[in-house]
N, C-alpha and C. Protein backbone atom coordinates (compact mmCIF):
# COMPACT_ATOMS: atom_id res chain seq x y z
N UNK A 1 12.76 26.13 24.43
CA UNK A 1 12.58 25.56 23.11
C UNK A 1 12.95 24.08 23.11
N UNK A 2 13.96 23.74 23.86
CA UNK A 2 14.43 22.36 23.88
C UNK A 2 13.34 21.41 24.38
N UNK A 3 12.59 21.79 25.43
CA UNK A 3 11.53 20.92 25.95
C UNK A 3 10.40 20.78 24.95
N UNK A 4 10.19 21.79 24.12
CA UNK A 4 9.17 21.72 23.08
C UNK A 4 9.51 20.59 22.11
N UNK A 5 10.78 20.49 21.70
CA UNK A 5 11.22 19.42 20.82
C UNK A 5 11.13 18.06 21.50
N UNK A 6 11.56 18.01 22.76
CA UNK A 6 11.54 16.74 23.48
C UNK A 6 10.13 16.20 23.63
N UNK A 7 9.18 17.09 23.86
CA UNK A 7 7.81 16.63 24.09
C UNK A 7 7.15 16.10 22.83
N UNK A 8 7.73 16.39 21.70
CA UNK A 8 7.14 15.92 20.45
C UNK A 8 5.99 16.80 19.98
N UNK A 9 5.74 17.88 20.70
CA UNK A 9 4.62 18.76 20.34
C UNK A 9 4.81 19.35 18.95
N UNK A 10 6.02 19.76 18.62
CA UNK A 10 6.27 20.34 17.31
C UNK A 10 6.05 19.29 16.22
N UNK A 11 6.52 18.08 16.46
CA UNK A 11 6.34 17.01 15.48
C UNK A 11 4.86 16.72 15.31
N UNK A 12 4.12 16.66 16.41
CA UNK A 12 2.68 16.43 16.34
C UNK A 12 1.97 17.54 15.60
N UNK A 13 2.38 18.78 15.86
CA UNK A 13 1.76 19.93 15.18
C UNK A 13 2.03 19.87 13.69
N UNK A 14 3.27 19.53 13.31
CA UNK A 14 3.61 19.44 11.89
C UNK A 14 2.87 18.28 11.21
N UNK A 15 2.72 17.16 11.91
CA UNK A 15 1.98 16.03 11.35
C UNK A 15 0.52 16.40 11.15
N UNK A 16 -0.06 17.10 12.11
CA UNK A 16 -1.45 17.55 11.98
C UNK A 16 -1.61 18.49 10.80
N UNK A 17 -0.67 19.41 10.63
CA UNK A 17 -0.71 20.34 9.51
C UNK A 17 -0.61 19.58 8.19
N UNK A 18 0.25 18.58 8.14
CA UNK A 18 0.39 17.79 6.92
C UNK A 18 -0.92 17.09 6.57
N UNK A 19 -1.64 16.56 7.56
CA UNK A 19 -2.93 15.92 7.31
C UNK A 19 -3.95 16.91 6.78
N UNK A 20 -3.98 18.09 7.38
CA UNK A 20 -4.92 19.12 6.92
C UNK A 20 -4.60 19.51 5.48
N UNK A 21 -3.33 19.71 5.17
CA UNK A 21 -2.94 20.08 3.81
C UNK A 21 -3.26 18.96 2.82
N UNK A 22 -3.04 17.72 3.21
CA UNK A 22 -3.35 16.60 2.32
C UNK A 22 -4.84 16.53 2.04
N UNK A 23 -5.67 16.82 3.02
CA UNK A 23 -7.11 16.77 2.84
C UNK A 23 -7.62 17.94 2.01
N UNK A 24 -6.83 18.99 1.88
CA UNK A 24 -7.28 20.19 1.17
C UNK A 24 -6.57 20.40 -0.15
N UNK A 25 -5.89 19.39 -0.67
CA UNK A 25 -5.18 19.57 -1.93
C UNK A 25 -6.16 19.80 -3.07
N UNK A 26 -5.66 20.40 -4.15
CA UNK A 26 -6.54 20.68 -5.28
C UNK A 26 -7.01 19.38 -5.90
N UNK A 27 -8.12 19.48 -6.61
CA UNK A 27 -8.66 18.32 -7.28
C UNK A 27 -9.96 17.86 -6.70
N UNK A 28 -10.31 18.31 -5.50
CA UNK A 28 -11.58 17.93 -4.91
C UNK A 28 -12.69 18.76 -5.48
N UNK A 29 -13.89 18.29 -5.33
CA UNK A 29 -15.04 19.03 -5.81
C UNK A 29 -16.03 19.22 -4.71
N UNK A 30 -17.06 19.99 -4.98
CA UNK A 30 -18.08 20.23 -3.98
C UNK A 30 -17.53 21.07 -2.85
N UNK A 31 -18.34 21.28 -1.86
CA UNK A 31 -17.93 22.14 -0.75
C UNK A 31 -17.00 21.44 0.22
N UNK A 32 -16.85 20.12 0.12
CA UNK A 32 -16.05 19.39 1.09
C UNK A 32 -14.63 19.11 0.67
N UNK A 33 -14.18 19.66 -0.46
CA UNK A 33 -12.83 19.37 -0.91
C UNK A 33 -12.65 17.89 -1.12
N UNK A 34 -11.60 17.32 -0.55
CA UNK A 34 -11.34 15.89 -0.69
C UNK A 34 -11.75 15.11 0.54
N UNK A 35 -12.63 15.67 1.33
CA UNK A 35 -13.17 14.96 2.48
C UNK A 35 -14.61 14.62 2.20
N UNK A 36 -14.95 13.35 2.31
CA UNK A 36 -16.31 12.88 2.13
C UNK A 36 -16.81 12.46 3.50
N UNK A 37 -18.02 12.82 3.83
CA UNK A 37 -18.58 12.49 5.13
C UNK A 37 -19.86 11.69 4.95
N UNK A 38 -20.01 10.62 5.71
CA UNK A 38 -21.28 9.91 5.76
C UNK A 38 -22.23 10.77 6.59
N UNK A 39 -23.43 10.94 6.11
CA UNK A 39 -24.39 11.78 6.83
C UNK A 39 -24.84 11.07 8.10
N UNK A 40 -24.72 11.74 9.20
CA UNK A 40 -25.11 11.16 10.49
C UNK A 40 -26.62 10.96 10.52
N UNK A 41 -27.04 9.73 10.82
CA UNK A 41 -28.45 9.41 10.92
C UNK A 41 -29.16 9.28 9.58
N UNK A 42 -28.41 9.22 8.50
CA UNK A 42 -29.03 9.11 7.19
C UNK A 42 -28.14 8.36 6.23
N UNK A 43 -28.70 8.04 5.09
CA UNK A 43 -27.94 7.30 4.09
C UNK A 43 -27.57 8.24 2.95
N UNK A 44 -26.48 8.98 3.14
CA UNK A 44 -26.03 9.93 2.13
C UNK A 44 -24.56 10.24 2.33
N UNK A 45 -23.92 10.70 1.25
CA UNK A 45 -22.56 11.21 1.31
C UNK A 45 -22.62 12.73 1.18
N UNK A 46 -21.74 13.39 1.87
CA UNK A 46 -21.62 14.85 1.76
C UNK A 46 -20.18 15.19 1.48
N UNK A 47 -19.82 15.76 0.34
CA UNK A 47 -20.72 16.05 -0.78
C UNK A 47 -21.04 14.78 -1.55
N UNK A 48 -22.13 14.80 -2.29
CA UNK A 48 -22.56 13.64 -3.07
C UNK A 48 -21.74 13.50 -4.35
N UNK A 49 -21.15 14.61 -4.82
CA UNK A 49 -20.34 14.59 -6.04
C UNK A 49 -18.98 15.21 -5.74
N UNK A 50 -17.93 14.53 -6.16
CA UNK A 50 -16.59 15.11 -6.07
C UNK A 50 -15.92 15.01 -7.43
N UNK A 51 -15.01 15.93 -7.68
CA UNK A 51 -14.27 15.97 -8.93
C UNK A 51 -12.78 15.86 -8.62
N UNK A 52 -12.10 14.98 -9.35
CA UNK A 52 -10.66 14.77 -9.16
C UNK A 52 -9.98 14.77 -10.52
N UNK A 53 -8.68 15.04 -10.56
CA UNK A 53 -7.96 15.01 -11.83
C UNK A 53 -7.61 13.57 -12.24
N UNK A 54 -7.59 13.34 -13.55
CA UNK A 54 -7.17 12.03 -14.06
C UNK A 54 -5.65 11.92 -14.00
N UNK A 55 -5.18 10.71 -13.78
CA UNK A 55 -3.75 10.38 -13.81
C UNK A 55 -2.90 11.15 -12.81
N UNK A 56 -3.49 11.58 -11.72
CA UNK A 56 -2.73 12.25 -10.66
C UNK A 56 -3.17 11.68 -9.32
N UNK A 57 -2.24 11.45 -8.41
CA UNK A 57 -2.64 10.96 -7.10
C UNK A 57 -3.52 11.98 -6.39
N UNK A 58 -4.58 11.51 -5.78
CA UNK A 58 -5.47 12.37 -5.01
C UNK A 58 -5.74 11.67 -3.67
N UNK A 59 -5.60 12.42 -2.60
CA UNK A 59 -5.81 11.88 -1.26
C UNK A 59 -7.23 12.20 -0.83
N UNK A 60 -7.97 11.15 -0.46
CA UNK A 60 -9.36 11.29 -0.03
C UNK A 60 -9.49 10.82 1.42
N UNK A 61 -10.30 11.53 2.17
CA UNK A 61 -10.60 11.15 3.55
C UNK A 61 -12.09 10.90 3.65
N UNK A 62 -12.47 9.76 4.21
CA UNK A 62 -13.87 9.42 4.43
C UNK A 62 -14.12 9.42 5.93
N UNK A 63 -14.98 10.34 6.38
CA UNK A 63 -15.32 10.45 7.80
C UNK A 63 -16.69 9.83 8.04
N UNK A 64 -16.82 9.12 9.15
CA UNK A 64 -18.09 8.49 9.49
C UNK A 64 -18.54 8.90 10.89
N UNK A 65 -19.36 9.97 11.00
CA UNK A 65 -19.86 10.38 12.30
C UNK A 65 -21.10 9.58 12.73
N UNK A 66 -21.57 8.67 11.88
CA UNK A 66 -22.79 7.91 12.14
C UNK A 66 -22.54 6.83 13.19
N UNK A 67 -23.61 6.16 13.60
CA UNK A 67 -23.52 5.10 14.61
C UNK A 67 -23.37 3.72 13.99
N UNK A 68 -23.31 3.64 12.66
CA UNK A 68 -23.11 2.36 11.99
C UNK A 68 -21.97 2.45 10.99
N UNK A 69 -21.45 1.31 10.60
CA UNK A 69 -20.34 1.21 9.65
C UNK A 69 -20.81 1.68 8.27
N UNK A 70 -19.91 2.39 7.56
CA UNK A 70 -20.16 2.77 6.17
C UNK A 70 -18.86 2.61 5.39
N UNK A 71 -19.01 2.47 4.09
CA UNK A 71 -17.84 2.55 3.22
C UNK A 71 -18.16 3.45 2.04
N UNK A 72 -17.13 3.82 1.30
CA UNK A 72 -17.24 4.68 0.12
C UNK A 72 -16.50 3.94 -0.97
N UNK A 73 -17.24 3.51 -1.99
CA UNK A 73 -16.64 2.72 -3.08
C UNK A 73 -16.94 3.39 -4.41
N UNK A 74 -16.07 3.11 -5.38
CA UNK A 74 -16.24 3.65 -6.73
C UNK A 74 -16.41 2.48 -7.70
N UNK A 75 -17.51 2.48 -8.42
CA UNK A 75 -17.83 1.40 -9.35
C UNK A 75 -17.45 1.80 -10.78
N UNK A 76 -16.84 0.85 -11.51
CA UNK A 76 -16.65 1.00 -12.95
C UNK A 76 -15.41 1.73 -13.42
N UNK A 77 -14.42 1.90 -12.58
CA UNK A 77 -13.23 2.65 -12.98
C UNK A 77 -12.30 1.86 -13.90
N UNK A 78 -12.47 0.55 -13.96
CA UNK A 78 -11.58 -0.27 -14.75
C UNK A 78 -10.31 -0.66 -14.00
N UNK A 79 -10.17 -0.20 -12.78
CA UNK A 79 -9.01 -0.58 -11.96
C UNK A 79 -9.17 -2.03 -11.51
N UNK A 80 -8.08 -2.72 -11.21
CA UNK A 80 -8.17 -4.12 -10.78
C UNK A 80 -9.01 -4.32 -9.52
N UNK A 81 -9.08 -3.30 -8.69
CA UNK A 81 -9.84 -3.38 -7.44
C UNK A 81 -10.61 -2.07 -7.27
N UNK A 82 -11.87 -2.15 -6.81
CA UNK A 82 -12.65 -0.94 -6.58
C UNK A 82 -11.98 -0.06 -5.54
N UNK A 83 -11.78 1.23 -5.85
CA UNK A 83 -11.28 2.14 -4.82
C UNK A 83 -12.27 2.17 -3.66
N UNK A 84 -11.77 1.96 -2.44
CA UNK A 84 -12.65 1.83 -1.28
C UNK A 84 -12.06 2.54 -0.07
N UNK A 85 -12.92 3.25 0.63
CA UNK A 85 -12.60 3.81 1.95
C UNK A 85 -13.63 3.22 2.92
N UNK A 86 -13.18 2.79 4.09
CA UNK A 86 -14.03 2.11 5.06
C UNK A 86 -13.86 2.79 6.41
N UNK A 87 -14.98 3.04 7.10
CA UNK A 87 -14.85 3.69 8.41
C UNK A 87 -15.88 3.14 9.40
N UNK A 88 -15.38 2.72 10.53
CA UNK A 88 -16.22 2.34 11.66
C UNK A 88 -16.94 3.59 12.18
N UNK A 89 -17.98 3.43 12.99
CA UNK A 89 -18.66 4.60 13.56
C UNK A 89 -17.68 5.51 14.31
N UNK A 90 -17.77 6.80 14.03
CA UNK A 90 -16.92 7.79 14.69
C UNK A 90 -15.48 7.80 14.22
N UNK A 91 -15.15 7.07 13.18
CA UNK A 91 -13.77 6.98 12.69
C UNK A 91 -13.68 7.55 11.28
N UNK A 92 -12.46 7.53 10.74
CA UNK A 92 -12.23 7.96 9.37
C UNK A 92 -11.09 7.17 8.77
N UNK A 93 -11.03 7.17 7.44
CA UNK A 93 -9.93 6.52 6.74
C UNK A 93 -9.47 7.46 5.62
N UNK A 94 -8.18 7.52 5.42
CA UNK A 94 -7.58 8.34 4.37
C UNK A 94 -6.70 7.46 3.49
N UNK A 95 -6.87 7.58 2.17
CA UNK A 95 -6.05 6.84 1.20
C UNK A 95 -5.79 7.74 0.00
N UNK A 96 -4.76 7.38 -0.73
CA UNK A 96 -4.45 8.09 -1.97
C UNK A 96 -4.74 7.15 -3.14
N UNK A 97 -5.46 7.68 -4.12
CA UNK A 97 -5.84 6.93 -5.31
C UNK A 97 -5.39 7.69 -6.56
N UNK A 98 -5.20 6.95 -7.65
CA UNK A 98 -4.99 7.55 -8.96
C UNK A 98 -6.04 6.95 -9.89
N UNK A 99 -6.88 7.82 -10.46
CA UNK A 99 -7.92 7.39 -11.37
C UNK A 99 -7.44 7.67 -12.79
N UNK A 100 -7.16 6.60 -13.59
CA UNK A 100 -6.50 6.80 -14.88
C UNK A 100 -7.40 7.33 -15.99
N UNK A 101 -8.69 7.02 -15.96
CA UNK A 101 -9.57 7.38 -17.08
C UNK A 101 -10.54 8.48 -16.70
N UNK A 102 -10.60 9.56 -17.50
CA UNK A 102 -11.64 10.56 -17.27
C UNK A 102 -13.02 9.92 -17.45
N UNK A 103 -13.98 10.42 -16.72
CA UNK A 103 -15.35 9.92 -16.83
C UNK A 103 -16.13 10.21 -15.57
N UNK A 104 -17.37 9.74 -15.55
CA UNK A 104 -18.23 9.86 -14.38
C UNK A 104 -18.50 8.46 -13.85
N UNK A 105 -18.30 8.28 -12.55
CA UNK A 105 -18.41 6.98 -11.92
C UNK A 105 -19.35 7.04 -10.73
N UNK A 106 -20.00 5.90 -10.45
CA UNK A 106 -20.92 5.81 -9.33
C UNK A 106 -20.12 5.55 -8.06
N UNK A 107 -20.41 6.34 -7.01
CA UNK A 107 -19.89 6.03 -5.68
C UNK A 107 -21.06 5.51 -4.86
N UNK A 108 -20.77 4.57 -3.96
CA UNK A 108 -21.85 3.95 -3.19
C UNK A 108 -21.31 3.33 -1.91
N UNK A 109 -22.22 3.08 -0.99
CA UNK A 109 -21.89 2.32 0.22
C UNK A 109 -22.32 0.88 -0.04
N UNK A 110 -21.41 -0.07 0.13
CA UNK A 110 -21.68 -1.47 -0.22
C UNK A 110 -22.33 -2.27 0.90
N UNK A 111 -22.54 -1.66 2.05
CA UNK A 111 -23.17 -2.42 3.13
C UNK A 111 -24.63 -2.72 2.78
N UNK A 112 -25.14 -3.86 3.22
CA UNK A 112 -26.49 -4.29 2.82
C UNK A 112 -27.55 -3.20 3.05
N UNK A 113 -28.25 -2.88 1.96
CA UNK A 113 -29.36 -1.94 2.01
C UNK A 113 -28.98 -0.47 1.92
N UNK A 114 -27.71 -0.13 2.08
CA UNK A 114 -27.31 1.27 2.10
C UNK A 114 -27.42 1.93 0.72
N UNK A 115 -26.95 1.26 -0.31
CA UNK A 115 -27.06 1.83 -1.66
C UNK A 115 -28.53 1.99 -2.04
N UNK A 116 -29.34 0.97 -1.76
CA UNK A 116 -30.77 1.03 -2.09
C UNK A 116 -31.48 2.14 -1.30
N UNK A 117 -30.93 2.50 -0.15
CA UNK A 117 -31.52 3.57 0.67
C UNK A 117 -31.05 4.96 0.24
N UNK A 118 -30.22 5.03 -0.79
CA UNK A 118 -29.81 6.32 -1.33
C UNK A 118 -28.39 6.74 -1.01
N UNK A 119 -27.58 5.86 -0.46
CA UNK A 119 -26.21 6.21 -0.14
C UNK A 119 -25.36 6.02 -1.39
N UNK A 120 -25.54 6.96 -2.33
CA UNK A 120 -24.87 6.94 -3.62
C UNK A 120 -24.41 8.36 -3.97
N UNK A 121 -23.56 8.45 -4.94
CA UNK A 121 -23.09 9.75 -5.40
C UNK A 121 -22.34 9.58 -6.71
N UNK A 122 -21.54 10.60 -7.03
CA UNK A 122 -20.85 10.60 -8.31
C UNK A 122 -19.40 11.08 -8.12
N UNK A 123 -18.49 10.38 -8.79
CA UNK A 123 -17.09 10.78 -8.87
C UNK A 123 -16.85 11.22 -10.32
N UNK A 124 -16.41 12.44 -10.49
CA UNK A 124 -16.09 12.95 -11.82
C UNK A 124 -14.57 13.04 -11.92
N UNK A 125 -14.02 12.34 -12.90
CA UNK A 125 -12.58 12.35 -13.15
C UNK A 125 -12.34 13.13 -14.44
N UNK A 126 -11.57 14.23 -14.33
CA UNK A 126 -11.31 15.09 -15.51
C UNK A 126 -9.85 15.03 -15.90
């Protein structure tokens, strides 16, 4: 047991479990929970619509399995800065946001031509 602790394997396993639990917390919508994925080889988010609670921190993960850079932004929330997740090809980013106002907001990829190509969706805050 002592070598297990020394190797850091237990700490790594617990950290991995914490990430999985954070990605699966309540408040997500669609089949993907709180994980949003850029569609590989296409201009789309999966799921295209997510639902989160108002005035509560929610952790979102944006995965990018595609061969080009994508981001996930929310327009019109009234926050001082647009909530944004950015991921290089084959990477992901996780952040925690609090959306104060209930409503429906546009999510989009801000890279040139991506929104016009259909890389859009909806964030529902309840």
